[in-house]
């Protein structure tokens, strides 16, 4: 019986030594990870200090959308909406003529954003020179109103 107790004690001692070894190896792994994190932090700090004083951060450039020379117009007039594509080189008078032909009445045109009522002197300018490029929304108002 004493031998059995002795064997159990030895077995318990081996198990506790095994547990202690695992704990020690985990502690060592954790310390290695902490040391690596500290090195990384220090390295990033040095990089930030070096980059802020000597070289500026790269500037992100935005490239404009590719323009194909077309202006897609959406023109709201009374109770209808007209849609047509024009060239950027077309005059505003071409757009006005198209709207008058479709609605069969005199109208004036205005831009929705930024808000602008087009005058007679604007009719001889190209759509591009008026800033009407890409997709454009205009409002046509009855000239009598």
C-alpha atoms as a PDB file:
ATOM      1  CA  UNK A   1       0.000   0.000   0.000  1.00  0.00           C
ATOM      2  CA  UNK A   2       2.864   2.307   0.726  1.00  0.00           C
ATOM      3  CA  UNK A   3       4.157   1.666  -2.765  1.00  0.00           C
ATOM      4  CA  UNK A   4       0.812   2.640  -4.239  1.00  0.00           C
ATOM      5  CA  UNK A   5       0.832   5.927  -2.318  1.00  0.00           C
ATOM      6  CA  UNK A   6       4.429   6.514  -3.313  1.00  0.00           C
ATOM      7  CA  UNK A   7       3.569   5.935  -7.017  1.00  0.00           C
ATOM      8  CA  UNK A   8       0.606   8.315  -6.767  1.00  0.00           C
ATOM      9  CA  UNK A   9       2.832  10.984  -5.188  1.00  0.00           C
ATOM     10  CA  UNK A  10       5.409  10.581  -7.959  1.00  0.00           C
ATOM     11  CA  UNK A  11       2.703  10.736 -10.586  1.00  0.00           C
ATOM     12  CA  UNK A  12       1.255  13.904  -9.019  1.00  0.00           C
ATOM     13  CA  UNK A  13       4.738  15.400  -8.887  1.00  0.00           C
ATOM     14  CA  UNK A  14       5.230  14.686 -12.627  1.00  0.00           C
ATOM     15  CA  UNK A  15       1.844  16.238 -13.448  1.00  0.00           C
ATOM     16  CA  UNK A  16       2.573  19.361 -11.401  1.00  0.00           C
ATOM     17  CA  UNK A  17       6.033  19.669 -13.008  1.00  0.00           C
ATOM     18  CA  UNK A  18       4.403  19.333 -16.433  1.00  0.00           C
ATOM     19  CA  UNK A  19       1.891  22.041 -15.549  1.00  0.00           C
ATOM     20  CA  UNK A  20       4.678  24.287 -14.263  1.00  0.00           C
ATOM     21  CA  UNK A  21       6.655  23.773 -17.495  1.00  0.00           C
ATOM     22  CA  UNK A  22       3.597  24.681 -19.614  1.00  0.00           C
ATOM     23  CA  UNK A  23       2.980  27.810 -17.533  1.00  0.00           C
ATOM     24  CA  UNK A  24       6.626  28.820 -17.856  1.00  0.00           C
ATOM     25  CA  UNK A  25       6.606  28.312 -21.636  1.00  0.00           C
ATOM     26  CA  UNK A  26       3.363  30.336 -21.926  1.00  0.00           C
ATOM     27  CA  UNK A  27       4.925  33.118 -19.854  1.00  0.00           C
ATOM     28  CA  UNK A  28       7.986  33.084 -22.101  1.00  0.00           C
ATOM     29  CA  UNK A  29       5.797  33.232 -25.243  1.00  0.00           C
ATOM     30  CA  UNK A  30       3.794  36.112 -23.769  1.00  0.00           C
ATOM     31  CA  UNK A  31       6.966  38.019 -22.883  1.00  0.00           C
ATOM     32  CA  UNK A  32       8.312  37.479 -26.423  1.00  0.00           C
ATOM     33  CA  UNK A  33       5.070  38.838 -27.880  1.00  0.00           C
ATOM     34  CA  UNK A  34       5.148  41.867 -25.557  1.00  0.00           C
ATOM     35  CA  UNK A  35       8.757  42.556 -26.523  1.00  0.00           C
ATOM     36  CA  UNK A  36       7.864  42.347 -30.224  1.00  0.00           C
ATOM     37  CA  UNK A  37       4.945  44.753 -29.730  1.00  0.00           C
ATOM     38  CA  UNK A  38       7.235  47.188 -27.909  1.00  0.00           C
ATOM     39  CA  UNK A  39       9.766  47.013 -30.782  1.00  0.00           C
ATOM     40  CA  UNK A  40       7.017  47.623 -33.346  1.00  0.00           C
ATOM     41  CA  UNK A  41       5.692  50.616 -31.399  1.00  0.00           C
ATOM     42  CA  UNK A  42       9.169  52.097 -31.152  1.00  0.00           C
ATOM     43  CA  UNK A  43       9.784  51.538 -34.856  1.00  0.00           C
ATOM     44  CA  UNK A  44       6.475  53.212 -35.824  1.00  0.00           C
ATOM     45  CA  UNK A  45       7.242  56.115 -33.518  1.00  0.00           C
ATOM     46  CA  UNK A  46      10.648  56.629 -35.175  1.00  0.00           C
ATOM     47  CA  UNK A  47       9.057  56.393 -38.640  1.00  0.00           C
ATOM     48  CA  UNK A  48       6.443  59.025 -37.736  1.00  0.00           C
ATOM     49  CA  UNK A  49       9.073  61.366 -36.306  1.00  0.00           C
ATOM     50  CA  UNK A  50      11.309  60.900 -39.320  1.00  0.00           C
ATOM     51  CA  UNK A  51       8.560  61.265 -41.910  1.00  0.00           C
ATOM     52  CA  UNK A  52       6.920  64.323 -40.352  1.00  0.00           C
ATOM     53  CA  UNK A  53      10.123  66.318 -40.255  1.00  0.00           C
ATOM     54  CA  UNK A  54      11.782  65.339 -43.511  1.00  0.00           C
ATOM     55  CA  UNK A  55       9.207  64.233 -46.094  1.00  0.00           C
ATOM     56  CA  UNK A  56       5.583  65.272 -46.306  1.00  0.00           C
ATOM     57  CA  UNK A  57       2.862  62.658 -46.540  1.00  0.00           C
ATOM     58  CA  UNK A  58       1.922  61.758 -50.104  1.00  0.00           C
ATOM     59  CA  UNK A  59      -0.945  63.813 -51.480  1.00  0.00           C
ATOM     60  CA  UNK A  60      -3.804  61.858 -52.985  1.00  0.00           C
ATOM     61  CA  UNK A  61      -4.814  63.308 -56.318  1.00  0.00           C
ATOM     62  CA  UNK A  62      -8.306  63.006 -57.696  1.00  0.00           C
ATOM     63  CA  UNK A  63      -8.517  62.572 -61.423  1.00  0.00           C
ATOM     64  CA  UNK A  64     -11.514  64.162 -63.104  1.00  0.00           C
ATOM     65  CA  UNK A  65     -14.064  61.950 -64.792  1.00  0.00           C
ATOM     66  CA  UNK A  66     -13.458  61.251 -68.435  1.00  0.00           C
ATOM     67  CA  UNK A  67     -15.473  63.690 -70.501  1.00  0.00           C
ATOM     68  CA  UNK A  68     -16.824  62.559 -73.823  1.00  0.00           C
ATOM     69  CA  UNK A  69     -18.053  65.974 -74.929  1.00  0.00           C
ATOM     70  CA  UNK A  70     -21.693  65.043 -74.335  1.00  0.00           C
ATOM     71  CA  UNK A  71     -24.197  66.778 -72.063  1.00  0.00           C
ATOM     72  CA  UNK A  72     -27.121  64.682 -70.927  1.00  0.00           C
ATOM     73  CA  UNK A  73     -29.952  67.159 -70.293  1.00  0.00           C
ATOM     74  CA  UNK A  74     -33.011  66.580 -68.171  1.00  0.00           C
ATOM     75  CA  UNK A  75     -35.393  69.516 -68.527  1.00  0.00           C
ATOM     76  CA  UNK A  76     -38.515  69.806 -66.380  1.00  0.00           C
ATOM     77  CA  UNK A  77     -41.246  71.806 -68.050  1.00  0.00           C
ATOM     78  CA  UNK A  78     -44.735  72.159 -66.538  1.00  0.00           C
ATOM     79  CA  UNK A  79     -46.000  68.590 -66.131  1.00  0.00           C
ATOM     80  CA  UNK A  80     -43.425  66.792 -68.291  1.00  0.00           C
ATOM     81  CA  UNK A  81     -39.742  65.975 -68.300  1.00  0.00           C
ATOM     82  CA  UNK A  82     -37.674  66.152 -71.467  1.00  0.00           C
ATOM     83  CA  UNK A  83     -34.420  64.263 -71.866  1.00  0.00           C
ATOM     84  CA  UNK A  84     -31.906  64.735 -74.644  1.00  0.00           C
ATOM     85  CA  UNK A  85     -28.163  64.556 -75.161  1.00  0.00           C
ATOM     86  CA  UNK A  86     -26.372  67.583 -76.599  1.00  0.00           C
ATOM     87  CA  UNK A  87     -22.753  68.326 -77.446  1.00  0.00           C
ATOM     88  CA  UNK A  88     -20.744  70.529 -75.060  1.00  0.00           C
ATOM     89  CA  UNK A  89     -20.114  72.836 -78.013  1.00  0.00           C
ATOM     90  CA  UNK A  90     -23.847  73.354 -78.683  1.00  0.00           C
ATOM     91  CA  UNK A  91     -25.248  76.745 -77.791  1.00  0.00           C
ATOM     92  CA  UNK A  92     -27.829  77.238 -75.075  1.00  0.00           C
ATOM     93  CA  UNK A  93     -30.117  78.592 -77.811  1.00  0.00           C
ATOM     94  CA  UNK A  94     -30.161  75.072 -79.358  1.00  0.00           C
ATOM     95  CA  UNK A  95     -31.464  73.680 -76.075  1.00  0.00           C
ATOM     96  CA  UNK A  96     -34.070  76.434 -75.802  1.00  0.00           C
ATOM     97  CA  UNK A  97     -35.224  75.820 -79.385  1.00  0.00           C
ATOM     98  CA  UNK A  98     -35.590  72.109 -78.646  1.00  0.00           C
ATOM     99  CA  UNK A  99     -37.675  72.814 -75.516  1.00  0.00           C
ATOM    100  CA  UNK A 100     -39.896  75.348 -77.339  1.00  0.00           C
ATOM    101  CA  UNK A 101     -40.455  72.850 -80.155  1.00  0.00           C
ATOM    102  CA  UNK A 102     -41.465  70.103 -77.697  1.00  0.00           C
ATOM    103  CA  UNK A 103     -43.787  72.117 -75.440  1.00  0.00           C
ATOM    104  CA  UNK A 104     -45.123  74.446 -78.148  1.00  0.00           C
ATOM    105  CA  UNK A 105     -44.859  77.609 -76.038  1.00  0.00           C
ATOM    106  CA  UNK A 106     -42.346  80.269 -75.041  1.00  0.00           C
ATOM    107  CA  UNK A 107     -40.142  79.241 -72.089  1.00  0.00           C
ATOM    108  CA  UNK A 108     -37.175  80.505 -70.124  1.00  0.00           C
ATOM    109  CA  UNK A 109     -34.500  78.184 -68.795  1.00  0.00           C
ATOM    110  CA  UNK A 110     -32.858  78.093 -65.385  1.00  0.00           C
ATOM    111  CA  UNK A 111     -30.303  75.865 -63.760  1.00  0.00           C
ATOM    112  CA  UNK A 112     -31.340  73.974 -60.626  1.00  0.00           C
ATOM    113  CA  UNK A 113     -27.957  73.952 -58.899  1.00  0.00           C
ATOM    114  CA  UNK A 114     -26.315  76.354 -58.601  1.00  0.00           C
ATOM    115  CA  UNK A 115     -29.453  78.397 -59.096  1.00  0.00           C
ATOM    116  CA  UNK A 116     -29.218  80.573 -62.208  1.00  0.00           C
ATOM    117  CA  UNK A 117     -31.812  82.060 -64.536  1.00  0.00           C
ATOM    118  CA  UNK A 118     -30.390  82.195 -68.047  1.00  0.00           C
ATOM    119  CA  UNK A 119     -30.692  85.552 -69.837  1.00  0.00           C
ATOM    120  CA  UNK A 120     -30.743  86.329 -73.554  1.00  0.00           C
ATOM    121  CA  UNK A 121     -26.974  86.989 -73.560  1.00  0.00           C
ATOM    122  CA  UNK A 122     -26.389  83.419 -72.283  1.00  0.00           C
ATOM    123  CA  UNK A 123     -28.099  81.960 -75.365  1.00  0.00           C
ATOM    124  CA  UNK A 124     -25.045  82.593 -77.562  1.00  0.00           C
ATOM    125  CA  UNK A 125     -22.660  80.757 -75.219  1.00  0.00           C
ATOM    126  CA  UNK A 126     -21.736  77.096 -75.462  1.00  0.00           C
ATOM    127  CA  UNK A 127     -22.982  74.663 -72.842  1.00  0.00           C
ATOM    128  CA  UNK A 128     -19.401  74.043 -71.684  1.00  0.00           C
ATOM    129  CA  UNK A 129     -18.708  77.751 -71.201  1.00  0.00           C
ATOM    130  CA  UNK A 130     -21.843  77.986 -69.036  1.00  0.00           C
ATOM    131  CA  UNK A 131     -20.596  75.081 -66.925  1.00  0.00           C
ATOM    132  CA  UNK A 132     -23.286  72.739 -68.235  1.00  0.00           C
ATOM    133  CA  UNK A 133     -21.312  69.515 -68.695  1.00  0.00           C
ATOM    134  CA  UNK A 134     -21.995  65.882 -67.885  1.00  0.00           C
ATOM    135  CA  UNK A 135     -25.490  65.291 -66.489  1.00  0.00           C
ATOM    136  CA  UNK A 136     -27.472  68.510 -66.177  1.00  0.00           C
ATOM    137  CA  UNK A 137     -30.944  69.301 -64.836  1.00  0.00           C
ATOM    138  CA  UNK A 138     -32.675  72.431 -66.071  1.00  0.00           C
ATOM    139  CA  UNK A 139     -36.101  73.890 -65.416  1.00  0.00           C
ATOM    140  CA  UNK A 140     -38.163  75.421 -68.177  1.00  0.00           C
ATOM    141  CA  UNK A 141     -40.686  78.057 -67.078  1.00  0.00           C
ATOM    142  CA  UNK A 142     -43.459  79.436 -69.177  1.00  0.00           C
ATOM    143  CA  UNK A 143     -42.450  82.890 -70.421  1.00  0.00           C
ATOM    144  CA  UNK A 144     -45.982  84.165 -69.729  1.00  0.00           C
ATOM    145  CA  UNK A 145     -45.745  83.252 -66.033  1.00  0.00           C
END
